[in-house]
Amino acid sequence: MREFDLFSLRDKVIAVTGVTGGLGTHFAEALAWSGADLALIDIPANKEKLAEVEKGLKEEYQVKTRSYPLDICDEQAVLYVSDNVLHDFGRIDGLLNVAGINFYGTVDEYRQEDYNRLMSVNVAGTFGCC
């Protein structure tokens, strides 16, 4: 058995959120290198970058990829995209929740709406995708 076989994700379907960010792109690339088919998810504002990442992974690693613009804070949209991923791939074997945001500054610069958005994406959105 080759070492690579120990880490093979061939015939596995992995959904990845936050795929257009630095970490998300690198994680998706590692999964594609390991043979996983990928459901690539990021916010609608990053739709063009999402398409670029999808095309690059498909061409370089010859894995099945599909992109899904999604705000993970929208519970109904999460359910809709989940149904689409299941329809397109037949199953979901794993989820890599990379989506996340941060606001930089001092505590007195944080506004309540900044905190609410941060918690909505980083906690509630992550939970909702599970």
Protein backbone atom coordinates (compact mmCIF):
# COMPACT_ATOMS: atom_id res chain seq x y z
CA MET A 1 0.00 0.00 0.00
CA ARG A 2 1.31 3.44 -0.91
CA GLU A 3 1.25 6.20 1.68
CA PHE A 4 -1.07 8.22 -0.53
CA ASP A 5 -3.70 5.49 -0.33
CA LEU A 6 -3.95 6.07 3.42
CA PHE A 7 -5.15 9.60 2.76
CA SER A 8 -7.20 9.02 -0.36
CA LEU A 9 -10.59 10.67 -0.53
CA ARG A 10 -11.41 9.20 -3.91
CA ASP A 11 -15.17 8.65 -4.30
CA LYS A 12 -15.89 10.96 -1.34
CA VAL A 13 -17.94 14.14 -1.58
CA ILE A 14 -16.82 17.00 0.65
CA ALA A 15 -18.63 20.33 1.04
CA VAL A 16 -16.34 23.26 1.82
CA THR A 17 -17.62 26.64 3.05
CA GLY A 18 -15.55 29.82 2.82
CA VAL A 19 -13.69 28.39 -0.14
CA THR A 20 -12.58 31.70 -1.67
CA GLY A 21 -10.61 32.80 1.39
CA GLY A 22 -6.94 31.93 1.76
CA LEU A 23 -7.44 28.96 4.05
CA GLY A 24 -10.56 27.73 2.26
CA THR A 25 -8.81 27.67 -1.11
CA HIS A 26 -5.82 25.78 0.30
CA PHE A 27 -8.02 23.26 2.11
CA ALA A 28 -10.09 22.68 -1.03
CA GLU A 29 -6.91 22.14 -3.02
CA ALA A 30 -5.65 19.57 -0.50
CA LEU A 31 -8.97 17.74 -0.65
CA ALA A 32 -8.91 17.75 -4.47
CA TRP A 33 -5.30 16.49 -4.42
CA SER A 34 -6.57 13.63 -2.26
CA GLY A 35 -9.22 12.81 -4.87
CA ALA A 36 -12.35 14.25 -3.24
CA ASP A 37 -15.23 15.61 -5.29
CA LEU A 38 -16.07 19.06 -3.98
CA ALA A 39 -19.13 21.18 -3.32
CA LEU A 40 -17.57 24.64 -3.13
CA ILE A 41 -19.51 27.19 -1.08
CA ASP A 42 -18.99 30.90 -0.48
CA ILE A 43 -20.98 34.11 -0.21
CA PRO A 44 -22.75 35.40 -3.34
CA ALA A 45 -20.51 38.51 -3.37
CA ASN A 46 -17.57 36.17 -4.16
CA LYS A 47 -19.36 34.41 -7.04
CA GLU A 48 -16.67 35.21 -9.64
CA LYS A 49 -13.82 34.08 -7.38
CA LEU A 50 -15.83 30.96 -6.56
CA ALA A 51 -16.10 30.13 -10.27
CA GLU A 52 -12.33 30.65 -10.67
CA VAL A 53 -11.53 28.31 -7.78
CA GLU A 54 -13.94 25.70 -9.17
CA LYS A 55 -12.42 25.84 -12.65
CA GLY A 56 -8.85 25.68 -11.34
CA LEU A 57 -9.49 22.64 -9.12
CA LYS A 58 -11.40 20.81 -11.83
CA GLU A 59 -8.66 21.39 -14.40
CA GLU A 60 -5.69 20.63 -12.16
CA TYR A 61 -7.03 17.64 -10.23
CA GLN A 62 -9.71 16.20 -12.54
CA VAL A 63 -12.25 15.94 -9.72
CA LYS A 64 -15.94 16.76 -9.90
CA THR A 65 -16.61 20.23 -8.56
CA ARG A 66 -19.70 22.43 -8.31
CA SER A 67 -19.92 25.91 -6.85
CA TYR A 68 -22.77 27.20 -4.73
CA PRO A 69 -23.08 30.87 -3.78
CA LEU A 70 -24.53 30.92 -0.26
CA ASP A 71 -24.81 33.17 2.77
CA ILE A 72 -24.50 30.58 5.54
CA CYS A 73 -26.51 32.86 7.85
CA ASP A 74 -29.63 32.27 5.76
CA GLU A 75 -31.10 29.04 7.14
CA GLN A 76 -33.51 28.48 4.25
CA ALA A 77 -30.74 29.06 1.70
CA VAL A 78 -28.53 26.53 3.53
CA LEU A 79 -31.29 23.93 3.26
CA TYR A 80 -31.79 24.76 -0.42
CA VAL A 81 -28.07 24.45 -1.22
CA SER A 82 -27.84 21.22 0.80
CA ASP A 83 -30.63 19.76 -1.30
CA ASN A 84 -28.83 20.88 -4.47
CA VAL A 85 -25.55 19.31 -3.37
CA LEU A 86 -27.36 16.05 -2.61
CA HIS A 87 -29.05 16.19 -6.00
CA ASP A 88 -25.80 16.98 -7.86
CA PHE A 89 -23.52 14.52 -6.04
CA GLY A 90 -25.90 11.94 -4.57
CA ARG A 91 -24.49 12.31 -1.05
CA ILE A 92 -22.26 14.36 1.25
CA ASP A 93 -19.49 12.44 3.02
CA GLY A 94 -17.91 15.36 4.84
CA LEU A 95 -18.15 19.05 5.61
CA LEU A 96 -15.28 21.46 6.10
CA ASN A 97 -16.66 24.67 7.64
CA VAL A 98 -14.04 27.31 6.85
CA ALA A 99 -16.35 30.32 6.45
CA GLY A 100 -15.68 32.97 9.04
CA ILE A 101 -15.27 36.70 9.51
CA ASN A 102 -13.54 39.05 11.90
CA PHE A 103 -13.60 42.73 12.65
CA TYR A 104 -10.35 44.42 13.59
CA GLY A 105 -10.02 47.25 16.08
CA THR A 106 -10.39 47.97 19.74
CA VAL A 107 -13.34 46.88 21.85
CA ASP A 108 -14.75 50.40 21.91
CA GLU A 109 -14.75 50.43 18.08
CA TYR A 110 -16.93 47.31 17.89
CA ARG A 111 -20.58 48.05 17.25
CA GLN A 112 -23.39 45.74 18.29
CA GLU A 113 -24.21 44.99 14.64
CA ASP A 114 -20.57 43.97 14.04
CA TYR A 115 -20.76 41.55 16.94
CA ASN A 116 -24.13 40.21 15.77
CA ARG A 117 -22.83 39.59 12.24
CA LEU A 118 -19.67 37.92 13.57
CA MET A 119 -21.69 35.57 15.77
CA SER A 120 -24.19 34.92 12.98
CA VAL A 121 -21.48 33.80 10.55
CA ASN A 122 -18.92 32.19 12.86
CA VAL A 123 -21.28 30.40 15.23
CA ALA A 124 -24.85 30.17 13.97
CA GLY A 125 -23.87 29.83 10.29
CA THR A 126 -21.33 27.14 11.05
CA PHE A 127 -23.85 25.26 13.17
CA GLY A 128 -26.53 25.62 10.50
CA CYS A 129 -24.32 24.03 7.86
CA CYS A 130 -23.85 20.96 10.04
